[in-house]
PDB file of all heavy atoms in Angstrom:
ATOM      1  N   TYR A   1       0.839  -1.210   0.000  1.00  0.00           N
ATOM      2  CA  TYR A   1       0.000   0.000   0.000  1.00  0.00           C
ATOM      3  C   TYR A   1       0.868   1.252   0.000  1.00  0.00           C
ATOM      4  O   TYR A   1       0.593   2.217  -0.715  1.00  0.00           O
ATOM      5  CB  TYR A   1      -0.921  -0.008   1.221  1.00  0.00           C
ATOM      6  CG  TYR A   1      -1.673   1.292   1.390  1.00  0.00           C
ATOM      7  CD1 TYR A   1      -2.730   1.618   0.550  1.00  0.00           C
ATOM      8  CD2 TYR A   1      -1.305   2.196   2.386  1.00  0.00           C
ATOM      9  CE1 TYR A   1      -3.414   2.817   0.695  1.00  0.00           C
ATOM     10  CE2 TYR A   1      -1.979   3.389   2.533  1.00  0.00           C
ATOM     11  CZ  TYR A   1      -3.033   3.701   1.687  1.00  0.00           C
ATOM     12  OH  TYR A   1      -3.694   4.891   1.834  1.00  0.00           O
ATOM     13  N   LYS A   2       1.930   1.225   0.795  1.00  0.00           N
ATOM     14  CA  LYS A   2       2.835   2.376   0.841  1.00  0.00           C
ATOM     15  C   LYS A   2       3.498   2.603  -0.510  1.00  0.00           C
ATOM     16  O   LYS A   2       3.723   3.739  -0.930  1.00  0.00           O
ATOM     17  CB  LYS A   2       3.893   2.172   1.927  1.00  0.00           C
ATOM     18  CG  LYS A   2       3.332   2.307   3.340  1.00  0.00           C
ATOM     19  CD  LYS A   2       4.430   2.194   4.377  1.00  0.00           C
ATOM     20  CE  LYS A   2       3.869   2.410   5.777  1.00  0.00           C
ATOM     21  NZ  LYS A   2       4.932   2.321   6.820  1.00  0.00           N
ATOM     22  N   LEU A   3       3.803   1.502  -1.198  1.00  0.00           N
ATOM     23  CA  LEU A   3       4.380   1.629  -2.524  1.00  0.00           C
ATOM     24  C   LEU A   3       3.378   2.208  -3.512  1.00  0.00           C
ATOM     25  O   LEU A   3       3.716   3.017  -4.370  1.00  0.00           O
ATOM     26  CB  LEU A   3       4.870   0.270  -3.025  1.00  0.00           C
ATOM     27  CG  LEU A   3       6.059  -0.346  -2.273  1.00  0.00           C
ATOM     28  CD1 LEU A   3       6.357  -1.735  -2.815  1.00  0.00           C
ATOM     29  CD2 LEU A   3       7.291   0.533  -2.392  1.00  0.00           C
ATOM     30  N   VAL A   4       2.111   1.788  -3.365  1.00  0.00           N
ATOM     31  CA  VAL A   4       1.064   2.273  -4.276  1.00  0.00           C
ATOM     32  C   VAL A   4       0.874   3.774  -4.140  1.00  0.00           C
ATOM     33  O   VAL A   4       0.759   4.507  -5.125  1.00  0.00           O
ATOM     34  CB  VAL A   4      -0.277   1.542  -4.004  1.00  0.00           C
ATOM     35  CG1 VAL A   4      -1.410   2.222  -4.757  1.00  0.00           C
ATOM     36  CG2 VAL A   4      -0.170   0.096  -4.437  1.00  0.00           C
ATOM     37  N   VAL A   5       0.836   4.258  -2.899  1.00  0.00           N
ATOM     38  CA  VAL A   5       0.603   5.691  -2.693  1.00  0.00           C
ATOM     39  C   VAL A   5       1.895   6.495  -2.811  1.00  0.00           C
ATOM     40  O   VAL A   5       1.891   7.713  -2.646  1.00  0.00           O
ATOM     41  CB  VAL A   5      -0.050   5.948  -1.314  1.00  0.00           C
ATOM     42  CG1 VAL A   5      -1.402   5.275  -1.230  1.00  0.00           C
ATOM     43  CG2 VAL A   5       0.856   5.474  -0.176  1.00  0.00           C
ATOM     44  N   GLY A   6       3.018   5.806  -3.081  1.00  0.00           N
ATOM     45  CA  GLY A   6       4.272   6.508  -3.316  1.00  0.00           C
ATOM     46  C   GLY A   6       5.027   6.894  -2.070  1.00  0.00           C
ATOM     47  O   GLY A   6       5.953   7.700  -2.129  1.00  0.00           O
ATOM     48  N   GLY A   7       4.654   6.282  -0.941  1.00  0.00           N
ATOM     49  CA  GLY A   7       5.318   6.656   0.308  1.00  0.00           C
ATOM     50  C   GLY A   7       6.387   5.693   0.733  1.00  0.00           C
ATOM     51  O   GLY A   7       7.011   5.884   1.766  1.00  0.00           O
ATOM     52  N   GLY A   8       6.611   4.620  -0.058  1.00  0.00           N
ATOM     53  CA  GLY A   8       7.586   3.616   0.355  1.00  0.00           C
ATOM     54  C   GLY A   8       8.902   3.777  -0.372  1.00  0.00           C
ATOM     55  O   GLY A   8       8.996   4.414  -1.414  1.00  0.00           O
ATOM     56  N   ALA A   9       9.931   3.203   0.201  1.00  0.00           N
ATOM     57  CA  ALA A   9      11.247   3.236  -0.427  1.00  0.00           C
ATOM     58  C   ALA A   9      11.521   1.887  -1.064  1.00  0.00           C
ATOM     59  O   ALA A   9      11.092   0.864  -0.554  1.00  0.00           O
ATOM     60  CB  ALA A   9      12.316   3.560   0.615  1.00  0.00           C
ATOM     61  N   GLY A  10      12.233   1.877  -2.164  1.00  0.00           N
ATOM     62  CA  GLY A  10      12.563   0.616  -2.811  1.00  0.00           C
ATOM     63  C   GLY A  10      12.969   0.844  -4.250  1.00  0.00           C
ATOM     64  O   GLY A  10      13.132   1.981  -4.707  1.00  0.00           O
ATOM     65  N   SER A  11      13.142  -0.222  -4.979  1.00  0.00           N
ATOM     66  CA  SER A  11      13.558  -0.122  -6.376  1.00  0.00           C
ATOM     67  C   SER A  11      12.426   0.436  -7.221  1.00  0.00           C
ATOM     68  O   SER A  11      11.270   0.449  -6.809  1.00  0.00           O
ATOM     69  CB  SER A  11      13.951  -1.508  -6.889  1.00  0.00           C
ATOM     70  OG  SER A  11      12.814  -2.341  -6.929  1.00  0.00           O
ATOM     71  N   HIS A  12      12.788   0.889  -8.424  1.00  0.00           N
ATOM     72  CA  HIS A  12      11.761   1.412  -9.325  1.00  0.00           C
ATOM     73  C   HIS A  12      10.764   0.319  -9.699  1.00  0.00           C
ATOM     74  O   HIS A  12       9.575   0.584  -9.864  1.00  0.00           O
ATOM     75  CB  HIS A  12      12.422   1.983 -10.586  1.00  0.00           C
ATOM     76  CG  HIS A  12      13.145   3.267 -10.348  1.00  0.00           C
ATOM     77  ND1 HIS A  12      12.500   4.424  -9.982  1.00  0.00           N
ATOM     78  CD2 HIS A  12      14.464   3.566 -10.401  1.00  0.00           C
ATOM     79  CE1 HIS A  12      13.379   5.396  -9.830  1.00  0.00           C
ATOM     80  NE2 HIS A  12      14.588   4.909 -10.072  1.00  0.00           N
ATOM     81  N   PHE A  13      11.248  -0.904  -9.831  1.00  0.00           N
ATOM     82  CA  PHE A  13      10.347  -2.015 -10.163  1.00  0.00           C
ATOM     83  C   PHE A  13       9.287  -2.189  -9.080  1.00  0.00           C
ATOM     84  O   PHE A  13       8.104  -2.339  -9.358  1.00  0.00           O
ATOM     85  CB  PHE A  13      11.140  -3.314 -10.319  1.00  0.00           C
ATOM     86  CG  PHE A  13      10.266  -4.516 -10.571  1.00  0.00           C
ATOM     87  CD1 PHE A  13       9.792  -4.785 -11.845  1.00  0.00           C
ATOM     88  CD2 PHE A  13       9.901  -5.358  -9.531  1.00  0.00           C
ATOM     89  CE1 PHE A  13       8.972  -5.880 -12.084  1.00  0.00           C
ATOM     90  CE2 PHE A  13       9.082  -6.459  -9.758  1.00  0.00           C
ATOM     91  CZ  PHE A  13       8.616  -6.714 -11.041  1.00  0.00           C
ATOM     92  N   MET A  14       9.717  -2.160  -7.805  1.00  0.00           N
ATOM     93  CA  MET A  14       8.780  -2.323  -6.698  1.00  0.00           C
ATOM     94  C   MET A  14       7.802  -1.157  -6.635  1.00  0.00           C
ATOM     95  O   MET A  14       6.610  -1.336  -6.402  1.00  0.00           O
ATOM     96  CB  MET A  14       9.539  -2.459  -5.379  1.00  0.00           C
ATOM     97  CG  MET A  14      10.319  -3.757  -5.240  1.00  0.00           C
ATOM     98  SD  MET A  14      11.259  -3.815  -3.709  1.00  0.00           S
ATOM     99  CE  MET A  14       9.925  -3.829  -2.511  1.00  0.00           C
ATOM    100  N   LEU A  15       8.318   0.048  -6.855  1.00  0.00           N
ATOM    101  CA  LEU A  15       7.448   1.223  -6.795  1.00  0.00           C
ATOM    102  C   LEU A  15       6.411   1.204  -7.914  1.00  0.00           C
ATOM    103  O   LEU A  15       5.261   1.573  -7.717  1.00  0.00           O
ATOM    104  CB  LEU A  15       8.290   2.502  -6.879  1.00  0.00           C
ATOM    105  CG  LEU A  15       9.166   2.807  -5.665  1.00  0.00           C
ATOM    106  CD1 LEU A  15      10.094   3.978  -5.959  1.00  0.00           C
ATOM    107  CD2 LEU A  15       8.316   3.100  -4.440  1.00  0.00           C
ATOM    108  N   ASP A  16       6.845   0.766  -9.099  1.00  0.00           N
ATOM    109  CA  ASP A  16       5.936   0.728 -10.247  1.00  0.00           C
ATOM    110  C   ASP A  16       4.922  -0.409 -10.157  1.00  0.00           C
ATOM    111  O   ASP A  16       3.879  -0.363 -10.817  1.00  0.00           O
ATOM    112  CB  ASP A  16       6.730   0.582 -11.553  1.00  0.00           C
ATOM    113  CG  ASP A  16       7.569   1.833 -11.847  1.00  0.00           C
ATOM    114  OD1 ASP A  16       7.236   2.895 -11.290  1.00  0.00           O
ATOM    115  OD2 ASP A  16       8.546   1.718 -12.604  1.00  0.00           O
ATOM    116  N   ASN A  17       5.240  -1.433  -9.393  1.00  0.00           N
ATOM    117  CA  ASN A  17       4.379  -2.615  -9.339  1.00  0.00           C
ATOM    118  C   ASN A  17       3.838  -2.902  -7.944  1.00  0.00           C
ATOM    119  O   ASN A  17       3.439  -4.025  -7.654  1.00  0.00           O
ATOM    120  CB  ASN A  17       5.144  -3.836  -9.858  1.00  0.00           C
ATOM    121  CG  ASN A  17       5.514  -3.697 -11.320  1.00  0.00           C
ATOM    122  OD1 ASN A  17       4.692  -3.890 -12.204  1.00  0.00           O
ATOM    123  ND2 ASN A  17       6.763  -3.336 -11.578  1.00  0.00           N
ATOM    124  N   GLY A  18       3.822  -1.894  -7.097  1.00  0.00           N
ATOM    125  CA  GLY A  18       3.302  -2.069  -5.736  1.00  0.00           C
ATOM    126  C   GLY A  18       1.846  -2.512  -5.726  1.00  0.00           C
ATOM    127  O   GLY A  18       1.435  -3.322  -4.898  1.00  0.00           O
ATOM    128  N   TYR A  19       1.073  -2.000  -6.691  1.00  0.00           N
ATOM    129  CA  TYR A  19      -0.339  -2.364  -6.769  1.00  0.00           C
ATOM    130  C   TYR A  19      -0.513  -3.838  -7.108  1.00  0.00           C
ATOM    131  O   TYR A  19      -1.386  -4.518  -6.558  1.00  0.00           O
ATOM    132  CB  TYR A  19      -1.026  -1.486  -7.806  1.00  0.00           C
ATOM    133  CG  TYR A  19      -2.521  -1.669  -7.875  1.00  0.00           C
ATOM    134  CD1 TYR A  19      -3.332  -1.332  -6.785  1.00  0.00           C
ATOM    135  CD2 TYR A  19      -3.126  -2.188  -9.006  1.00  0.00           C
ATOM    136  CE1 TYR A  19      -4.698  -1.496  -6.844  1.00  0.00           C
ATOM    137  CE2 TYR A  19      -4.494  -2.354  -9.068  1.00  0.00           C
ATOM    138  CZ  TYR A  19      -5.265  -2.001  -7.991  1.00  0.00           C
ATOM    139  OH  TYR A  19      -6.625  -2.180  -8.043  1.00  0.00           O
ATOM    140  N   LEU A  20       0.345  -4.348  -8.010  1.00  0.00           N
ATOM    141  CA  LEU A  20       0.289  -5.765  -8.347  1.00  0.00           C
ATOM    142  C   LEU A  20       0.692  -6.619  -7.146  1.00  0.00           C
ATOM    143  O   LEU A  20       0.137  -7.704  -6.929  1.00  0.00           O
ATOM    144  CB  LEU A  20       1.199  -6.061  -9.540  1.00  0.00           C
ATOM    145  CG  LEU A  20       0.793  -5.430 -10.875  1.00  0.00           C
ATOM    146  CD1 LEU A  20       1.810  -5.774 -11.956  1.00  0.00           C
ATOM    147  CD2 LEU A  20      -0.603  -5.888 -11.287  1.00  0.00           C
ATOM    148  N   MET A  21       1.646  -6.141  -6.373  1.00  0.00           N
ATOM    149  CA  MET A  21       2.043  -6.847  -5.155  1.00  0.00           C
ATOM    150  C   MET A  21       0.866  -6.945  -4.186  1.00  0.00           C
ATOM    151  O   MET A  21       0.654  -7.959  -3.531  1.00  0.00           O
ATOM    152  CB  MET A  21       3.217  -6.137  -4.483  1.00  0.00           C
ATOM    153  CG  MET A  21       4.548  -6.291  -5.210  1.00  0.00           C
ATOM    154  SD  MET A  21       5.848  -5.322  -4.412  1.00  0.00           S
ATOM    155  CE  MET A  21       5.825  -6.054  -2.771  1.00  0.00           C
ATOM    156  N   LEU A  22       0.082  -5.862  -4.130  1.00  0.00           N
ATOM    157  CA  LEU A  22      -1.095  -5.853  -3.264  1.00  0.00           C
ATOM    158  C   LEU A  22      -2.081  -6.919  -3.716  1.00  0.00           C
ATOM    159  O   LEU A  22      -2.697  -7.603  -2.895  1.00  0.00           O
ATOM    160  CB  LEU A  22      -1.742  -4.468  -3.319  1.00  0.00           C
ATOM    161  CG  LEU A  22      -2.824  -4.153  -2.288  1.00  0.00           C
ATOM    162  CD1 LEU A  22      -2.289  -4.316  -0.873  1.00  0.00           C
ATOM    163  CD2 LEU A  22      -3.356  -2.747  -2.497  1.00  0.00           C
ATOM    164  N   GLY A  23      -2.223  -7.090  -5.038  1.00  0.00           N
ATOM    165  CA  GLY A  23      -3.097  -8.131  -5.566  1.00  0.00           C
ATOM    166  C   GLY A  23      -2.614  -9.514  -5.183  1.00  0.00           C
ATOM    167  O   GLY A  23      -3.411 -10.393  -4.840  1.00  0.00           O
ATOM    168  N   LEU A  24      -1.301  -9.724  -5.250  1.00  0.00           N
ATOM    169  CA  LEU A  24      -0.735 -11.011  -4.864  1.00  0.00           C
ATOM    170  C   LEU A  24      -0.979 -11.304  -3.383  1.00  0.00           C
ATOM    171  O   LEU A  24      -1.203 -12.452  -2.996  1.00  0.00           O
ATOM    172  CB  LEU A  24       0.769 -11.033  -5.162  1.00  0.00           C
ATOM    173  CG  LEU A  24       1.155 -11.041  -6.642  1.00  0.00           C
ATOM    174  CD1 LEU A  24       2.665 -10.931  -6.794  1.00  0.00           C
ATOM    175  CD2 LEU A  24       0.643 -12.317  -7.317  1.00  0.00           C
ATOM    176  N   VAL A  25      -0.952 -10.259  -2.561  1.00  0.00           N
ATOM    177  CA  VAL A  25      -1.207 -10.428  -1.128  1.00  0.00           C
ATOM    178  C   VAL A  25      -2.617 -10.961  -0.899  1.00  0.00           C
ATOM    179  O   VAL A  25      -2.820 -11.944  -0.181  1.00  0.00           O
ATOM    180  CB  VAL A  25      -1.019  -9.084  -0.380  1.00  0.00           C
ATOM    181  CG1 VAL A  25      -1.595  -9.168   1.030  1.00  0.00           C
ATOM    182  CG2 VAL A  25       0.456  -8.722  -0.317  1.00  0.00           C
ATOM    183  N   PHE A  26      -3.610 -10.330  -1.530  1.00  0.00           N
ATOM    184  CA  PHE A  26      -4.987 -10.775  -1.364  1.00  0.00           C
ATOM    185  C   PHE A  26      -5.221 -12.137  -2.015  1.00  0.00           C
ATOM    186  O   PHE A  26      -6.000 -12.944  -1.511  1.00  0.00           O
ATOM    187  CB  PHE A  26      -5.961  -9.738  -1.926  1.00  0.00           C
ATOM    188  CG  PHE A  26      -6.124  -8.534  -1.055  1.00  0.00           C
ATOM    189  CD1 PHE A  26      -5.750  -7.284  -1.490  1.00  0.00           C
ATOM    190  CD2 PHE A  26      -6.633  -8.659   0.228  1.00  0.00           C
ATOM    191  CE1 PHE A  26      -5.896  -6.174  -0.689  1.00  0.00           C
ATOM    192  CE2 PHE A  26      -6.778  -7.561   1.045  1.00  0.00           C
ATOM    193  CZ  PHE A  26      -6.406  -6.299   0.587  1.00  0.00           C
ATOM    194  N   GLY A  27      -4.533 -12.379  -3.128  1.00  0.00           N
ATOM    195  CA  GLY A  27      -4.647 -13.680  -3.770  1.00  0.00           C
ATOM    196  C   GLY A  27      -4.092 -14.782  -2.889  1.00  0.00           C
ATOM    197  O   GLY A  27      -4.682 -15.863  -2.770  1.00  0.00           O
TER     198      GLY A  27
END
């Protein structure tokens, strides 16, 4: 969620795909 709203730190890949990571969490 922090990556989705742009408040998290990490690689550009993680920042660009934070929303997909959120989907994987719920999945």
